[in-house]
Amino acid sequence: AGDGLVIVVTKKGEVIALDRKDGKQRW
């Protein structure tokens, strides 16, 4: 987490960025 984002990485190597305030996907 940082810069207003929450970052997770999936099993297939996809980086997913969520908005830290509500969890909605940003990119």
mmCIF file of all heavy atoms, coordinates in Angstrom:
data_MODEL
# 
_entry.id   MODEL 
# 
loop_
_atom_site.group_PDB 
_atom_site.id 
_atom_site.type_symbol 
_atom_site.label_atom_id 
_atom_site.label_alt_id 
_atom_site.label_comp_id 
_atom_site.label_asym_id 
_atom_site.label_entity_id 
_atom_site.label_seq_id 
_atom_site.pdbx_PDB_ins_code 
_atom_site.Cartn_x 
_atom_site.Cartn_y 
_atom_site.Cartn_z 
_atom_site.occupancy 
_atom_site.B_iso_or_equiv 
_atom_site.pdbx_formal_charge 
_atom_site.auth_seq_id 
_atom_site.auth_comp_id 
_atom_site.auth_asym_id 
_atom_site.auth_atom_id 
_atom_site.pdbx_PDB_model_num 
ATOM 1   N N   . ALA A 1 1  ? 0.835   -1.197  0.000   1.00 0.00 ? 1  ALA A N   1 
ATOM 2   C CA  . ALA A 1 1  ? 0.000   0.000   0.000   1.00 0.00 ? 1  ALA A CA  1 
ATOM 3   C C   . ALA A 1 1  ? 0.871   1.248   0.000   1.00 0.00 ? 1  ALA A C   1 
ATOM 4   O O   . ALA A 1 1  ? 1.934   1.278   0.616   1.00 0.00 ? 1  ALA A O   1 
ATOM 5   C CB  . ALA A 1 1  ? -0.927  0.005   1.207   1.00 0.00 ? 1  ALA A CB  1 
ATOM 6   N N   . GLY A 1 2  ? 0.402   2.287   -0.708  1.00 0.00 ? 2  GLY A N   1 
ATOM 7   C CA  . GLY A 1 2  ? 1.137   3.539   -0.783  1.00 0.00 ? 2  GLY A CA  1 
ATOM 8   C C   . GLY A 1 2  ? 0.620   4.394   -1.915  1.00 0.00 ? 2  GLY A C   1 
ATOM 9   O O   . GLY A 1 2  ? -0.003  3.882   -2.861  1.00 0.00 ? 2  GLY A O   1 
ATOM 10  N N   . ASP A 1 3  ? 0.829   5.690   -1.840  1.00 0.00 ? 3  ASP A N   1 
ATOM 11  C CA  . ASP A 1 3  ? 0.403   6.626   -2.875  1.00 0.00 ? 3  ASP A CA  1 
ATOM 12  C C   . ASP A 1 3  ? -1.087  6.498   -3.205  1.00 0.00 ? 3  ASP A C   1 
ATOM 13  O O   . ASP A 1 3  ? -1.500  6.599   -4.363  1.00 0.00 ? 3  ASP A O   1 
ATOM 14  C CB  . ASP A 1 3  ? 1.231   6.425   -4.157  1.00 0.00 ? 3  ASP A CB  1 
ATOM 15  C CG  . ASP A 1 3  ? 2.616   7.051   -4.052  1.00 0.00 ? 3  ASP A CG  1 
ATOM 16  O OD1 . ASP A 1 3  ? 2.998   7.446   -2.934  1.00 0.00 ? 3  ASP A OD1 1 
ATOM 17  O OD2 . ASP A 1 3  ? 3.312   7.147   -5.073  1.00 0.00 ? 3  ASP A OD2 1 
ATOM 18  N N   . GLY A 1 4  ? -1.890  6.212   -2.186  1.00 0.00 ? 4  GLY A N   1 
ATOM 19  C CA  . GLY A 1 4  ? -3.332  6.114   -2.381  1.00 0.00 ? 4  GLY A CA  1 
ATOM 20  C C   . GLY A 1 4  ? -3.808  4.811   -2.983  1.00 0.00 ? 4  GLY A C   1 
ATOM 21  O O   . GLY A 1 4  ? -4.995  4.653   -3.286  1.00 0.00 ? 4  GLY A O   1 
ATOM 22  N N   . LEU A 1 5  ? -2.912  3.832   -3.158  1.00 0.00 ? 5  LEU A N   1 
ATOM 23  C CA  . LEU A 1 5  ? -3.260  2.554   -3.782  1.00 0.00 ? 5  LEU A CA  1 
ATOM 24  C C   . LEU A 1 5  ? -3.004  1.377   -2.861  1.00 0.00 ? 5  LEU A C   1 
ATOM 25  O O   . LEU A 1 5  ? -2.178  1.444   -1.951  1.00 0.00 ? 5  LEU A O   1 
ATOM 26  C CB  . LEU A 1 5  ? -2.444  2.353   -5.071  1.00 0.00 ? 5  LEU A CB  1 
ATOM 27  C CG  . LEU A 1 5  ? -2.632  3.365   -6.204  1.00 0.00 ? 5  LEU A CG  1 
ATOM 28  C CD1 . LEU A 1 5  ? -1.701  3.005   -7.354  1.00 0.00 ? 5  LEU A CD1 1 
ATOM 29  C CD2 . LEU A 1 5  ? -4.076  3.400   -6.671  1.00 0.00 ? 5  LEU A CD2 1 
ATOM 30  N N   . VAL A 1 6  ? -3.726  0.293   -3.135  1.00 0.00 ? 6  VAL A N   1 
ATOM 31  C CA  . VAL A 1 6  ? -3.452  -1.011  -2.530  1.00 0.00 ? 6  VAL A CA  1 
ATOM 32  C C   . VAL A 1 6  ? -3.120  -1.953  -3.682  1.00 0.00 ? 6  VAL A C   1 
ATOM 33  O O   . VAL A 1 6  ? -3.899  -2.065  -4.643  1.00 0.00 ? 6  VAL A O   1 
ATOM 34  C CB  . VAL A 1 6  ? -4.666  -1.538  -1.736  1.00 0.00 ? 6  VAL A CB  1 
ATOM 35  C CG1 . VAL A 1 6  ? -4.385  -2.932  -1.193  1.00 0.00 ? 6  VAL A CG1 1 
ATOM 36  C CG2 . VAL A 1 6  ? -5.009  -0.580  -0.596  1.00 0.00 ? 6  VAL A CG2 1 
ATOM 37  N N   . ILE A 1 7  ? -1.961  -2.616  -3.607  1.00 0.00 ? 7  ILE A N   1 
ATOM 38  C CA  . ILE A 1 7  ? -1.460  -3.420  -4.728  1.00 0.00 ? 7  ILE A CA  1 
ATOM 39  C C   . ILE A 1 7  ? -1.443  -4.903  -4.359  1.00 0.00 ? 7  ILE A C   1 
ATOM 40  O O   . ILE A 1 7  ? -0.920  -5.285  -3.313  1.00 0.00 ? 7  ILE A O   1 
ATOM 41  C CB  . ILE A 1 7  ? -0.031  -2.988  -5.124  1.00 0.00 ? 7  ILE A CB  1 
ATOM 42  C CG1 . ILE A 1 7  ? 0.029   -1.480  -5.418  1.00 0.00 ? 7  ILE A CG1 1 
ATOM 43  C CG2 . ILE A 1 7  ? 0.463   -3.801  -6.317  1.00 0.00 ? 7  ILE A CG2 1 
ATOM 44  C CD1 . ILE A 1 7  ? -0.745  -1.044  -6.635  1.00 0.00 ? 7  ILE A CD1 1 
ATOM 45  N N   . VAL A 1 8  ? -2.007  -5.727  -5.245  1.00 0.00 ? 8  VAL A N   1 
ATOM 46  C CA  . VAL A 1 8  ? -1.889  -7.183  -5.116  1.00 0.00 ? 8  VAL A CA  1 
ATOM 47  C C   . VAL A 1 8  ? -1.415  -7.742  -6.453  1.00 0.00 ? 8  VAL A C   1 
ATOM 48  O O   . VAL A 1 8  ? -1.605  -7.122  -7.502  1.00 0.00 ? 8  VAL A O   1 
ATOM 49  C CB  . VAL A 1 8  ? -3.223  -7.857  -4.711  1.00 0.00 ? 8  VAL A CB  1 
ATOM 50  C CG1 . VAL A 1 8  ? -3.643  -7.439  -3.321  1.00 0.00 ? 8  VAL A CG1 1 
ATOM 51  C CG2 . VAL A 1 8  ? -4.317  -7.545  -5.714  1.00 0.00 ? 8  VAL A CG2 1 
ATOM 52  N N   . VAL A 1 9  ? -0.788  -8.923  -6.406  1.00 0.00 ? 9  VAL A N   1 
ATOM 53  C CA  . VAL A 1 9  ? -0.310  -9.578  -7.626  1.00 0.00 ? 9  VAL A CA  1 
ATOM 54  C C   . VAL A 1 9  ? -0.932  -10.963 -7.707  1.00 0.00 ? 9  VAL A C   1 
ATOM 55  O O   . VAL A 1 9  ? -0.903  -11.732 -6.731  1.00 0.00 ? 9  VAL A O   1 
ATOM 56  C CB  . VAL A 1 9  ? 1.228   -9.689  -7.646  1.00 0.00 ? 9  VAL A CB  1 
ATOM 57  C CG1 . VAL A 1 9  ? 1.698   -10.275 -8.969  1.00 0.00 ? 9  VAL A CG1 1 
ATOM 58  C CG2 . VAL A 1 9  ? 1.867   -8.334  -7.413  1.00 0.00 ? 9  VAL A CG2 1 
ATOM 59  N N   . THR A 1 10 ? -1.494  -11.308 -8.851  1.00 0.00 ? 10 THR A N   1 
ATOM 60  C CA  . THR A 1 10 ? -2.202  -12.573 -9.005  1.00 0.00 ? 10 THR A CA  1 
ATOM 61  C C   . THR A 1 10 ? -1.258  -13.704 -9.437  1.00 0.00 ? 10 THR A C   1 
ATOM 62  O O   . THR A 1 10 ? -0.092  -13.473 -9.770  1.00 0.00 ? 10 THR A O   1 
ATOM 63  C CB  . THR A 1 10 ? -3.322  -12.446 -10.044 1.00 0.00 ? 10 THR A CB  1 
ATOM 64  O OG1 . THR A 1 10 ? -2.736  -12.297 -11.359 1.00 0.00 ? 10 THR A OG1 1 
ATOM 65  C CG2 . THR A 1 10 ? -4.201  -11.252 -9.752  1.00 0.00 ? 10 THR A CG2 1 
ATOM 66  N N   . LYS A 1 11 ? -1.802  -14.900 -9.452  1.00 0.00 ? 11 LYS A N   1 
ATOM 67  C CA  . LYS A 1 11 ? -1.028  -16.097 -9.795  1.00 0.00 ? 11 LYS A CA  1 
ATOM 68  C C   . LYS A 1 11 ? -0.474  -16.041 -11.215 1.00 0.00 ? 11 LYS A C   1 
ATOM 69  O O   . LYS A 1 11 ? 0.576   -16.606 -11.511 1.00 0.00 ? 11 LYS A O   1 
ATOM 70  C CB  . LYS A 1 11 ? -1.910  -17.338 -9.619  1.00 0.00 ? 11 LYS A CB  1 
ATOM 71  C CG  . LYS A 1 11 ? -1.181  -18.652 -9.762  1.00 0.00 ? 11 LYS A CG  1 
ATOM 72  C CD  . LYS A 1 11 ? -2.112  -19.822 -9.474  1.00 0.00 ? 11 LYS A CD  1 
ATOM 73  C CE  . LYS A 1 11 ? -1.378  -21.141 -9.547  1.00 0.00 ? 11 LYS A CE  1 
ATOM 74  N NZ  . LYS A 1 11 ? -2.283  -22.291 -9.230  1.00 0.00 ? 11 LYS A NZ  1 
ATOM 75  N N   . LYS A 1 12 ? -1.163  -15.342 -12.102 1.00 0.00 ? 12 LYS A N   1 
ATOM 76  C CA  . LYS A 1 12 ? -0.735  -15.246 -13.498 1.00 0.00 ? 12 LYS A CA  1 
ATOM 77  C C   . LYS A 1 12 ? 0.109   -14.008 -13.783 1.00 0.00 ? 12 LYS A C   1 
ATOM 78  O O   . LYS A 1 12 ? 0.309   -13.630 -14.938 1.00 0.00 ? 12 LYS A O   1 
ATOM 79  C CB  . LYS A 1 12 ? -1.947  -15.286 -14.422 1.00 0.00 ? 12 LYS A CB  1 
ATOM 80  C CG  . LYS A 1 12 ? -2.658  -16.637 -14.417 1.00 0.00 ? 12 LYS A CG  1 
ATOM 81  C CD  . LYS A 1 12 ? -3.743  -16.692 -15.473 1.00 0.00 ? 12 LYS A CD  1 
ATOM 82  C CE  . LYS A 1 12 ? -4.390  -18.069 -15.516 1.00 0.00 ? 12 LYS A CE  1 
ATOM 83  N NZ  . LYS A 1 12 ? -5.447  -18.148 -16.557 1.00 0.00 ? 12 LYS A NZ  1 
ATOM 84  N N   . GLY A 1 13 ? 0.583   -13.351 -12.711 1.00 0.00 ? 13 GLY A N   1 
ATOM 85  C CA  . GLY A 1 13 ? 1.475   -12.223 -12.891 1.00 0.00 ? 13 GLY A CA  1 
ATOM 86  C C   . GLY A 1 13 ? 0.783   -10.925 -13.232 1.00 0.00 ? 13 GLY A C   1 
ATOM 87  O O   . GLY A 1 13 ? 1.380   -10.047 -13.863 1.00 0.00 ? 13 GLY A O   1 
ATOM 88  N N   . GLU A 1 14 ? -0.444  -10.761 -12.806 1.00 0.00 ? 14 GLU A N   1 
ATOM 89  C CA  . GLU A 1 14 ? -1.179  -9.526  -13.058 1.00 0.00 ? 14 GLU A CA  1 
ATOM 90  C C   . GLU A 1 14 ? -1.133  -8.638  -11.820 1.00 0.00 ? 14 GLU A C   1 
ATOM 91  O O   . GLU A 1 14 ? -1.503  -9.070  -10.723 1.00 0.00 ? 14 GLU A O   1 
ATOM 92  C CB  . GLU A 1 14 ? -2.630  -9.830  -13.430 1.00 0.00 ? 14 GLU A CB  1 
ATOM 93  C CG  . GLU A 1 14 ? -3.402  -8.621  -13.909 1.00 0.00 ? 14 GLU A CG  1 
ATOM 94  C CD  . GLU A 1 14 ? -4.815  -8.978  -14.337 1.00 0.00 ? 14 GLU A CD  1 
ATOM 95  O OE1 . GLU A 1 14 ? -5.301  -10.055 -13.941 1.00 0.00 ? 14 GLU A OE1 1 
ATOM 96  O OE2 . GLU A 1 14 ? -5.433  -8.187  -15.061 1.00 0.00 ? 14 GLU A OE2 1 
ATOM 97  N N   . VAL A 1 15 ? -0.672  -7.414  -11.994 1.00 0.00 ? 15 VAL A N   1 
ATOM 98  C CA  . VAL A 1 15 ? -0.640  -6.448  -10.898 1.00 0.00 ? 15 VAL A CA  1 
ATOM 99  C C   . VAL A 1 15 ? -1.955  -5.673  -10.904 1.00 0.00 ? 15 VAL A C   1 
ATOM 100 O O   . VAL A 1 15 ? -2.317  -5.062  -11.915 1.00 0.00 ? 15 VAL A O   1 
ATOM 101 C CB  . VAL A 1 15 ? 0.536   -5.465  -11.056 1.00 0.00 ? 15 VAL A CB  1 
ATOM 102 C CG1 . VAL A 1 15 ? 0.577   -4.493  -9.876  1.00 0.00 ? 15 VAL A CG1 1 
ATOM 103 C CG2 . VAL A 1 15 ? 1.850   -6.226  -11.153 1.00 0.00 ? 15 VAL A CG2 1 
ATOM 104 N N   . ILE A 1 16 ? -2.667  -5.715  -9.778  1.00 0.00 ? 16 ILE A N   1 
ATOM 105 C CA  . ILE A 1 16 ? -3.965  -5.047  -9.678  1.00 0.00 ? 16 ILE A CA  1 
ATOM 106 C C   . ILE A 1 16 ? -3.873  -3.944  -8.631  1.00 0.00 ? 16 ILE A C   1 
ATOM 107 O O   . ILE A 1 16 ? -3.471  -4.187  -7.493  1.00 0.00 ? 16 ILE A O   1 
ATOM 108 C CB  . ILE A 1 16 ? -5.081  -6.039  -9.323  1.00 0.00 ? 16 ILE A CB  1 
ATOM 109 C CG1 . ILE A 1 16 ? -5.202  -7.096  -10.421 1.00 0.00 ? 16 ILE A CG1 1 
ATOM 110 C CG2 . ILE A 1 16 ? -6.407  -5.322  -9.124  1.00 0.00 ? 16 ILE A CG2 1 
ATOM 111 C CD1 . ILE A 1 16 ? -6.240  -8.156  -10.140 1.00 0.00 ? 16 ILE A CD1 1 
ATOM 112 N N   . ALA A 1 17 ? -4.246  -2.731  -9.028  1.00 0.00 ? 17 ALA A N   1 
ATOM 113 C CA  . ALA A 1 17 ? -4.219  -1.581  -8.133  1.00 0.00 ? 17 ALA A CA  1 
ATOM 114 C C   . ALA A 1 17 ? -5.641  -1.225  -7.724  1.00 0.00 ? 17 ALA A C   1 
ATOM 115 O O   . ALA A 1 17 ? -6.521  -1.034  -8.574  1.00 0.00 ? 17 ALA A O   1 
ATOM 116 C CB  . ALA A 1 17 ? -3.556  -0.391  -8.818  1.00 0.00 ? 17 ALA A CB  1 
ATOM 117 N N   . LEU A 1 18 ? -5.863  -1.138  -6.413  1.00 0.00 ? 18 LEU A N   1 
ATOM 118 C CA  . LEU A 1 18 ? -7.166  -0.777  -5.862  1.00 0.00 ? 18 LEU A CA  1 
ATOM 119 C C   . LEU A 1 18 ? -7.078  0.579   -5.174  1.00 0.00 ? 18 LEU A C   1 
ATOM 120 O O   . LEU A 1 18 ? -6.019  0.945   -4.650  1.00 0.00 ? 18 LEU A O   1 
ATOM 121 C CB  . LEU A 1 18 ? -7.627  -1.834  -4.848  1.00 0.00 ? 18 LEU A CB  1 
ATOM 122 C CG  . LEU A 1 18 ? -7.597  -3.295  -5.308  1.00 0.00 ? 18 LEU A CG  1 
ATOM 123 C CD1 . LEU A 1 18 ? -7.925  -4.212  -4.135  1.00 0.00 ? 18 LEU A CD1 1 
ATOM 124 C CD2 . LEU A 1 18 ? -8.578  -3.520  -6.450  1.00 0.00 ? 18 LEU A CD2 1 
ATOM 125 N N   . ASP A 1 19 ? -8.182  1.297   -5.158  1.00 0.00 ? 19 ASP A N   1 
ATOM 126 C CA  . ASP A 1 19 ? -8.234  2.562   -4.426  1.00 0.00 ? 19 ASP A CA  1 
ATOM 127 C C   . ASP A 1 19 ? -8.256  2.239   -2.936  1.00 0.00 ? 19 ASP A C   1 
ATOM 128 O O   . ASP A 1 19 ? -9.067  1.447   -2.486  1.00 0.00 ? 19 ASP A O   1 
ATOM 129 C CB  . ASP A 1 19 ? -9.493  3.337   -4.820  1.00 0.00 ? 19 ASP A CB  1 
ATOM 130 C CG  . ASP A 1 19 ? -9.453  4.776   -4.322  1.00 0.00 ? 19 ASP A CG  1 
ATOM 131 O OD1 . ASP A 1 19 ? -9.313  4.980   -3.089  1.00 0.00 ? 19 ASP A OD1 1 
ATOM 132 O OD2 . ASP A 1 19 ? -9.569  5.693   -5.148  1.00 0.00 ? 19 ASP A OD2 1 
ATOM 133 N N   . ARG A 1 20 ? -7.373  2.849   -2.175  1.00 0.00 ? 20 ARG A N   1 
ATOM 134 C CA  . ARG A 1 20 ? -7.256  2.505   -0.762  1.00 0.00 ? 20 ARG A CA  1 
ATOM 135 C C   . ARG A 1 20 ? -8.484  2.920   0.049   1.00 0.00 ? 20 ARG A C   1 
ATOM 136 O O   . ARG A 1 20 ? -8.737  2.401   1.128   1.00 0.00 ? 20 ARG A O   1 
ATOM 137 C CB  . ARG A 1 20 ? -6.012  3.139   -0.160  1.00 0.00 ? 20 ARG A CB  1 
ATOM 138 C CG  . ARG A 1 20 ? -6.123  4.626   0.129   1.00 0.00 ? 20 ARG A CG  1 
ATOM 139 C CD  . ARG A 1 20 ? -4.905  5.125   0.858   1.00 0.00 ? 20 ARG A CD  1 
ATOM 140 N NE  . ARG A 1 20 ? -5.025  6.519   1.282   1.00 0.00 ? 20 ARG A NE  1 
ATOM 141 C CZ  . ARG A 1 20 ? -5.557  6.895   2.442   1.00 0.00 ? 20 ARG A CZ  1 
ATOM 142 N NH1 . ARG A 1 20 ? -6.012  5.979   3.284   1.00 0.00 ? 20 ARG A NH1 1 
ATOM 143 N NH2 . ARG A 1 20 ? -5.629  8.173   2.763   1.00 0.00 ? 20 ARG A NH2 1 
ATOM 144 N N   . LYS A 1 21 ? -9.276  3.856   -0.474  1.00 0.00 ? 21 LYS A N   1 
ATOM 145 C CA  . LYS A 1 21 ? -10.429 4.352   0.271   1.00 0.00 ? 21 LYS A CA  1 
ATOM 146 C C   . LYS A 1 21 ? -11.638 3.428   0.192   1.00 0.00 ? 21 LYS A C   1 
ATOM 147 O O   . LYS A 1 21 ? -12.384 3.288   1.163   1.00 0.00 ? 21 LYS A O   1 
ATOM 148 C CB  . LYS A 1 21 ? -10.812 5.745   -0.233  1.00 0.00 ? 21 LYS A CB  1 
ATOM 149 C CG  . LYS A 1 21 ? -9.752  6.802   0.040   1.00 0.00 ? 21 LYS A CG  1 
ATOM 150 C CD  . LYS A 1 21 ? -10.201 8.155   -0.480  1.00 0.00 ? 21 LYS A CD  1 
ATOM 151 C CE  . LYS A 1 21 ? -9.147  9.219   -0.191  1.00 0.00 ? 21 LYS A CE  1 
ATOM 152 N NZ  . LYS A 1 21 ? -9.553  10.555  -0.714  1.00 0.00 ? 21 LYS A NZ  1 
ATOM 153 N N   . ASP A 1 22 ? -11.863 2.798   -0.976  1.00 0.00 ? 22 ASP A N   1 
ATOM 154 C CA  . ASP A 1 22 ? -13.065 1.976   -1.133  1.00 0.00 ? 22 ASP A CA  1 
ATOM 155 C C   . ASP A 1 22 ? -12.811 0.611   -1.771  1.00 0.00 ? 22 ASP A C   1 
ATOM 156 O O   . ASP A 1 22 ? -13.730 -0.194  -1.906  1.00 0.00 ? 22 ASP A O   1 
ATOM 157 C CB  . ASP A 1 22 ? -14.115 2.728   -1.948  1.00 0.00 ? 22 ASP A CB  1 
ATOM 158 C CG  . ASP A 1 22 ? -13.580 3.246   -3.281  1.00 0.00 ? 22 ASP A CG  1 
ATOM 159 O OD1 . ASP A 1 22 ? -12.551 2.718   -3.757  1.00 0.00 ? 22 ASP A OD1 1 
ATOM 160 O OD2 . ASP A 1 22 ? -14.174 4.182   -3.845  1.00 0.00 ? 22 ASP A OD2 1 
ATOM 161 N N   . GLY A 1 23 ? -11.563 0.332   -2.181  1.00 0.00 ? 23 GLY A N   1 
ATOM 162 C CA  . GLY A 1 23 ? -11.243 -0.969  -2.750  1.00 0.00 ? 23 GLY A CA  1 
ATOM 163 C C   . GLY A 1 23 ? -11.600 -1.134  -4.208  1.00 0.00 ? 23 GLY A C   1 
ATOM 164 O O   . GLY A 1 23 ? -11.444 -2.231  -4.768  1.00 0.00 ? 23 GLY A O   1 
ATOM 165 N N   . LYS A 1 24 ? -12.079 -0.083  -4.863  1.00 0.00 ? 24 LYS A N   1 
ATOM 166 C CA  . LYS A 1 24 ? -12.422 -0.200  -6.274  1.00 0.00 ? 24 LYS A CA  1 
ATOM 167 C C   . LYS A 1 24 ? -11.159 -0.267  -7.132  1.00 0.00 ? 24 LYS A C   1 
ATOM 168 O O   . LYS A 1 24 ? -10.178 0.398   -6.849  1.00 0.00 ? 24 LYS A O   1 
ATOM 169 C CB  . LYS A 1 24 ? -13.270 0.999   -6.707  1.00 0.00 ? 24 LYS A CB  1 
ATOM 170 C CG  . LYS A 1 24 ? -14.661 1.008   -6.077  1.00 0.00 ? 24 LYS A CG  1 
ATOM 171 C CD  . LYS A 1 24 ? -15.489 2.184   -6.574  1.00 0.00 ? 24 LYS A CD  1 
ATOM 172 C CE  . LYS A 1 24 ? -16.878 2.164   -5.961  1.00 0.00 ? 24 LYS A CE  1 
ATOM 173 N NZ  . LYS A 1 24 ? -17.717 3.306   -6.420  1.00 0.00 ? 24 LYS A NZ  1 
ATOM 174 N N   . GLN A 1 25 ? -11.218 -1.088  -8.185  1.00 0.00 ? 25 GLN A N   1 
ATOM 175 C CA  . GLN A 1 25 ? -10.040 -1.264  -9.041  1.00 0.00 ? 25 GLN A CA  1 
ATOM 176 C C   . GLN A 1 25 ? -9.757  0.000   -9.839  1.00 0.00 ? 25 GLN A C   1 
ATOM 177 O O   . GLN A 1 25 ? -10.638 0.572   -10.473 1.00 0.00 ? 25 GLN A O   1 
ATOM 178 C CB  . GLN A 1 25 ? -10.236 -2.445  -9.984  1.00 0.00 ? 25 GLN A CB  1 
ATOM 179 C CG  . GLN A 1 25 ? -9.032  -2.716  -10.873 1.00 0.00 ? 25 GLN A CG  1 
ATOM 180 C CD  . GLN A 1 25 ? -9.151  -4.014  -11.649 1.00 0.00 ? 25 GLN A CD  1 
ATOM 181 O OE1 . GLN A 1 25 ? -9.591  -5.025  -11.110 1.00 0.00 ? 25 GLN A OE1 1 
ATOM 182 N NE2 . GLN A 1 25 ? -8.752  -3.993  -12.909 1.00 0.00 ? 25 GLN A NE2 1 
ATOM 183 N N   . ARG A 1 26 ? -8.495  0.411   -9.811  1.00 0.00 ? 26 ARG A N   1 
ATOM 184 C CA  . ARG A 1 26 ? -8.056  1.590   -10.568 1.00 0.00 ? 26 ARG A CA  1 
ATOM 185 C C   . ARG A 1 26 ? -7.443  1.172   -11.902 1.00 0.00 ? 26 ARG A C   1 
ATOM 186 O O   . ARG A 1 26 ? -7.672  1.807   -12.909 1.00 0.00 ? 26 ARG A O   1 
ATOM 187 C CB  . ARG A 1 26 ? -7.049  2.386   -9.735  1.00 0.00 ? 26 ARG A CB  1 
ATOM 188 C CG  . ARG A 1 26 ? -7.641  2.973   -8.460  1.00 0.00 ? 26 ARG A CG  1 
ATOM 189 C CD  . ARG A 1 26 ? -8.136  4.381   -8.675  1.00 0.00 ? 26 ARG A CD  1 
ATOM 190 N NE  . ARG A 1 26 ? -7.037  5.283   -8.928  1.00 0.00 ? 26 ARG A NE  1 
ATOM 191 C CZ  . ARG A 1 26 ? -6.340  5.923   -7.977  1.00 0.00 ? 26 ARG A CZ  1 
ATOM 192 N NH1 . ARG A 1 26 ? -6.645  5.748   -6.706  1.00 0.00 ? 26 ARG A NH1 1 
ATOM 193 N NH2 . ARG A 1 26 ? -5.357  6.735   -8.309  1.00 0.00 ? 26 ARG A NH2 1 
ATOM 194 N N   . TRP A 1 27 ? -6.612  0.134   -11.875 1.00 0.00 ? 27 TRP A N   1 
ATOM 195 C CA  . TRP A 1 27 ? -6.006  -0.365  -13.097 1.00 0.00 ? 27 TRP A CA  1 
ATOM 196 C C   . TRP A 1 27 ? -5.415  -1.760  -12.871 1.00 0.00 ? 27 TRP A C   1 
ATOM 197 O O   . TRP A 1 27 ? -5.305  -2.217  -11.737 1.00 0.00 ? 27 TRP A O   1 
ATOM 198 C CB  . TRP A 1 27 ? -4.933  0.575   -13.647 1.00 0.00 ? 27 TRP A CB  1 
ATOM 199 C CG  . TRP A 1 27 ? -3.875  1.038   -12.677 1.00 0.00 ? 27 TRP A CG  1 
ATOM 200 C CD1 . TRP A 1 27 ? -3.836  2.231   -12.010 1.00 0.00 ? 27 TRP A CD1 1 
ATOM 201 C CD2 . TRP A 1 27 ? -2.699  0.313   -12.260 1.00 0.00 ? 27 TRP A CD2 1 
ATOM 202 N NE1 . TRP A 1 27 ? -2.717  2.298   -11.198 1.00 0.00 ? 27 TRP A NE1 1 
ATOM 203 C CE2 . TRP A 1 27 ? -2.002  1.147   -11.348 1.00 0.00 ? 27 TRP A CE2 1 
ATOM 204 C CE3 . TRP A 1 27 ? -2.166  -0.925  -12.560 1.00 0.00 ? 27 TRP A CE3 1 
ATOM 205 C CZ2 . TRP A 1 27 ? -0.806  0.763   -10.738 1.00 0.00 ? 27 TRP A CZ2 1 
ATOM 206 C CZ3 . TRP A 1 27 ? -0.974  -1.309  -11.963 1.00 0.00 ? 27 TRP A CZ3 1 
ATOM 207 C CH2 . TRP A 1 27 ? -0.309  -0.473  -11.067 1.00 0.00 ? 27 TRP A CH2 1 
# 
